[in-house]
Amino acid sequence: MRKMQARGCSLLESVMAVYLVVMAFAVVMAVYPLTAVSPVPSANHILASSTAHNIFESIRAVPWGSPMPDELKEKQVVTYTVDGEDRAVEFVVTRLEFDPSGETGDGPEPDSHICRVTLTIQWNNDNDPTGESPRESLTLSRVMMRREN
């Protein structure tokens, strides 16, 4: 018997290779638009992060073990200017948790020396006055230590 010599790939192998390359390209092109990010939500994310950091600083100013003031949970409106047009974003604190927390759950445990604070802020993604646009949220967590007086 004669041995067959390999002289390249067959037609079926070529068709399968082209099919796999086309399918891989189709998957990449289907996922690519999901990775694109609009600059407007990122600006709101930066404002939300800044608002959250301000709230964390306000929490640090409250004496350890005391309940948090209600003003921290109220709506906060941040205004900014883009291309000469004033815009406002309304941020709402939807979650403020302390671990470990005091008896009321509204502040750190008075006997603890360290506490994890978790804060979630929500806002509308655009300047929709009806409030029907999808809400975005940001959750940050910080560890705070008791300051000795």
Protein backbone atom coordinates (compact mmCIF):
# COMPACT_ATOMS: atom_id res chain seq x y z
CA MET A 1 0.00 0.00 0.00
CA ARG A 2 1.05 3.51 -0.71
CA LYS A 3 1.15 6.10 2.00
CA MET A 4 -0.79 9.26 1.41
CA GLN A 5 1.28 12.38 1.61
CA ALA A 6 -0.13 15.43 3.34
CA ARG A 7 -0.18 18.31 0.87
CA GLY A 8 -2.09 21.00 2.79
CA CYS A 9 -5.62 21.04 4.14
CA SER A 10 -8.74 19.71 2.58
CA LEU A 11 -11.71 21.79 1.48
CA LEU A 12 -13.71 20.77 4.58
CA GLU A 13 -10.90 21.89 6.91
CA SER A 14 -10.67 25.23 5.09
CA VAL A 15 -14.43 25.82 5.36
CA MET A 16 -14.36 24.98 9.09
CA ALA A 17 -11.43 27.34 9.70
CA VAL A 18 -13.18 30.21 7.91
CA TYR A 19 -16.39 29.47 9.84
CA LEU A 20 -14.55 29.62 13.20
CA VAL A 21 -12.82 32.89 12.30
CA VAL A 22 -16.12 34.47 11.19
CA MET A 23 -17.89 33.31 14.37
CA ALA A 24 -15.10 34.68 16.59
CA PHE A 25 -15.30 38.01 14.75
CA ALA A 26 -19.11 38.09 15.17
CA VAL A 27 -18.81 37.48 18.92
CA VAL A 28 -16.22 40.23 19.32
CA MET A 29 -18.34 42.69 17.34
CA ALA A 30 -21.44 41.82 19.40
CA VAL A 31 -19.64 42.46 22.71
CA TYR A 32 -17.72 45.59 21.63
CA PRO A 33 -20.64 48.08 21.85
CA LEU A 34 -21.29 46.94 25.43
CA THR A 35 -17.83 48.11 26.45
CA ALA A 36 -18.25 51.65 25.14
CA VAL A 37 -18.99 54.18 27.88
CA SER A 38 -20.72 57.50 27.44
CA PRO A 39 -18.91 60.50 29.00
CA VAL A 40 -22.09 61.90 30.65
CA PRO A 41 -22.63 59.02 33.11
CA SER A 42 -18.95 59.14 34.04
CA ALA A 43 -19.35 62.81 34.97
CA ASN A 44 -22.29 61.86 37.19
CA HIS A 45 -20.22 59.04 38.69
CA ILE A 46 -17.51 61.54 39.58
CA LEU A 47 -20.09 63.85 41.19
CA ALA A 48 -21.62 60.89 43.07
CA SER A 49 -18.20 59.84 44.32
CA SER A 50 -17.47 63.38 45.48
CA THR A 51 -20.86 63.57 47.23
CA ALA A 52 -20.20 60.21 48.94
CA HIS A 53 -16.80 61.38 50.15
CA ASN A 54 -18.42 64.53 51.57
CA ILE A 55 -20.92 62.34 53.43
CA PHE A 56 -18.09 60.17 54.80
CA GLU A 57 -16.35 63.31 56.06
CA SER A 58 -19.61 64.45 57.69
CA ILE A 59 -19.88 61.05 59.40
CA ARG A 60 -16.33 61.44 60.75
CA ALA A 61 -17.31 64.79 62.26
CA VAL A 62 -20.12 63.22 64.35
CA PRO A 63 -18.99 62.03 67.81
CA TRP A 64 -18.29 58.28 67.88
CA GLY A 65 -21.33 56.20 68.82
CA SER A 66 -23.82 59.02 68.25
CA PRO A 67 -26.71 58.60 65.83
CA MET A 68 -26.21 60.18 62.41
CA PRO A 69 -28.10 63.40 61.66
CA ASP A 70 -31.03 63.11 59.26
CA GLU A 71 -29.44 65.71 56.95
CA LEU A 72 -27.02 63.04 55.71
CA LYS A 73 -29.90 61.04 54.27
CA GLU A 74 -31.67 63.95 52.59
CA LYS A 75 -31.54 64.59 48.85
CA GLN A 76 -28.47 66.50 47.76
CA VAL A 77 -28.52 68.50 44.54
CA VAL A 78 -25.23 69.20 42.78
CA THR A 79 -25.18 71.81 40.00
CA TYR A 80 -22.51 72.09 37.34
CA THR A 81 -22.06 73.85 34.00
CA VAL A 82 -21.42 72.15 30.65
CA ASP A 83 -20.89 74.34 27.58
CA GLY A 84 -22.52 77.30 29.30
CA GLU A 85 -25.61 75.30 30.30
CA ASP A 86 -26.38 74.74 33.97
CA ARG A 87 -27.28 71.17 34.90
CA ALA A 88 -28.33 69.67 38.20
CA VAL A 89 -28.08 66.12 39.47
CA GLU A 90 -30.07 64.99 42.50
CA PHE A 91 -28.37 62.38 44.69
CA VAL A 92 -30.29 60.27 47.21
CA VAL A 93 -28.72 58.16 49.97
CA THR A 94 -30.53 54.83 49.78
CA ARG A 95 -28.36 52.88 52.20
CA LEU A 96 -26.18 53.89 55.14
CA GLU A 97 -24.98 50.95 57.23
CA PHE A 98 -22.55 50.60 60.10
CA ASP A 99 -20.82 47.34 61.05
CA PRO A 100 -20.80 46.98 64.03
CA SER A 101 -23.66 49.34 64.69
CA GLY A 102 -25.09 50.78 67.86
CA GLU A 103 -28.47 49.88 69.32
CA THR A 104 -30.36 52.14 66.90
CA GLY A 105 -28.35 50.95 63.88
CA ASP A 106 -27.84 54.59 63.03
CA GLY A 107 -24.19 54.91 63.99
CA PRO A 108 -21.14 52.93 65.06
CA GLU A 109 -21.23 50.87 68.23
CA PRO A 110 -20.03 53.13 71.07
CA ASP A 111 -17.65 50.49 72.53
CA SER A 112 -15.99 49.59 69.22
CA HIS A 113 -12.77 51.14 67.97
CA ILE A 114 -13.29 50.41 64.28
CA CYS A 115 -16.38 50.39 62.06
CA ARG A 116 -17.12 49.68 58.40
CA VAL A 117 -19.50 52.22 56.86
CA THR A 118 -21.31 51.28 53.63
CA LEU A 119 -23.02 54.01 51.64
CA THR A 120 -25.16 53.70 48.50
CA ILE A 121 -26.14 56.76 46.47
CA GLN A 122 -28.63 56.79 43.58
CA TRP A 123 -29.31 59.38 40.88
CA ASN A 124 -31.06 59.74 37.52
CA ASN A 125 -28.75 59.19 34.59
CA ASP A 126 -29.80 62.32 32.69
CA ASN A 127 -31.70 65.57 33.17
CA ASP A 128 -35.13 63.94 32.95
CA PRO A 129 -37.55 66.14 34.95
CA THR A 130 -40.12 63.31 35.10
CA GLY A 131 -37.67 61.01 36.87
CA GLU A 132 -38.55 58.13 34.56
CA SER A 133 -35.00 57.55 33.34
CA PRO A 134 -33.14 54.55 34.74
CA ARG A 135 -31.45 55.22 38.05
CA GLU A 136 -27.73 54.74 38.50
CA SER A 137 -26.15 53.87 41.82
CA LEU A 138 -22.77 53.89 43.49
CA THR A 139 -21.86 51.91 46.61
CA LEU A 140 -18.76 52.78 48.59
CA SER A 141 -17.48 51.27 51.81
CA ARG A 142 -14.96 52.79 54.20
CA VAL A 143 -13.40 51.65 57.43
CA MET A 144 -13.41 54.32 60.11
CA MET A 145 -11.45 54.32 63.33
CA ARG A 146 -12.40 55.88 66.62
CA ARG A 147 -10.43 59.03 67.33
CA GLU A 148 -9.16 59.33 70.88
CA ASN A 149 -9.78 62.76 72.40
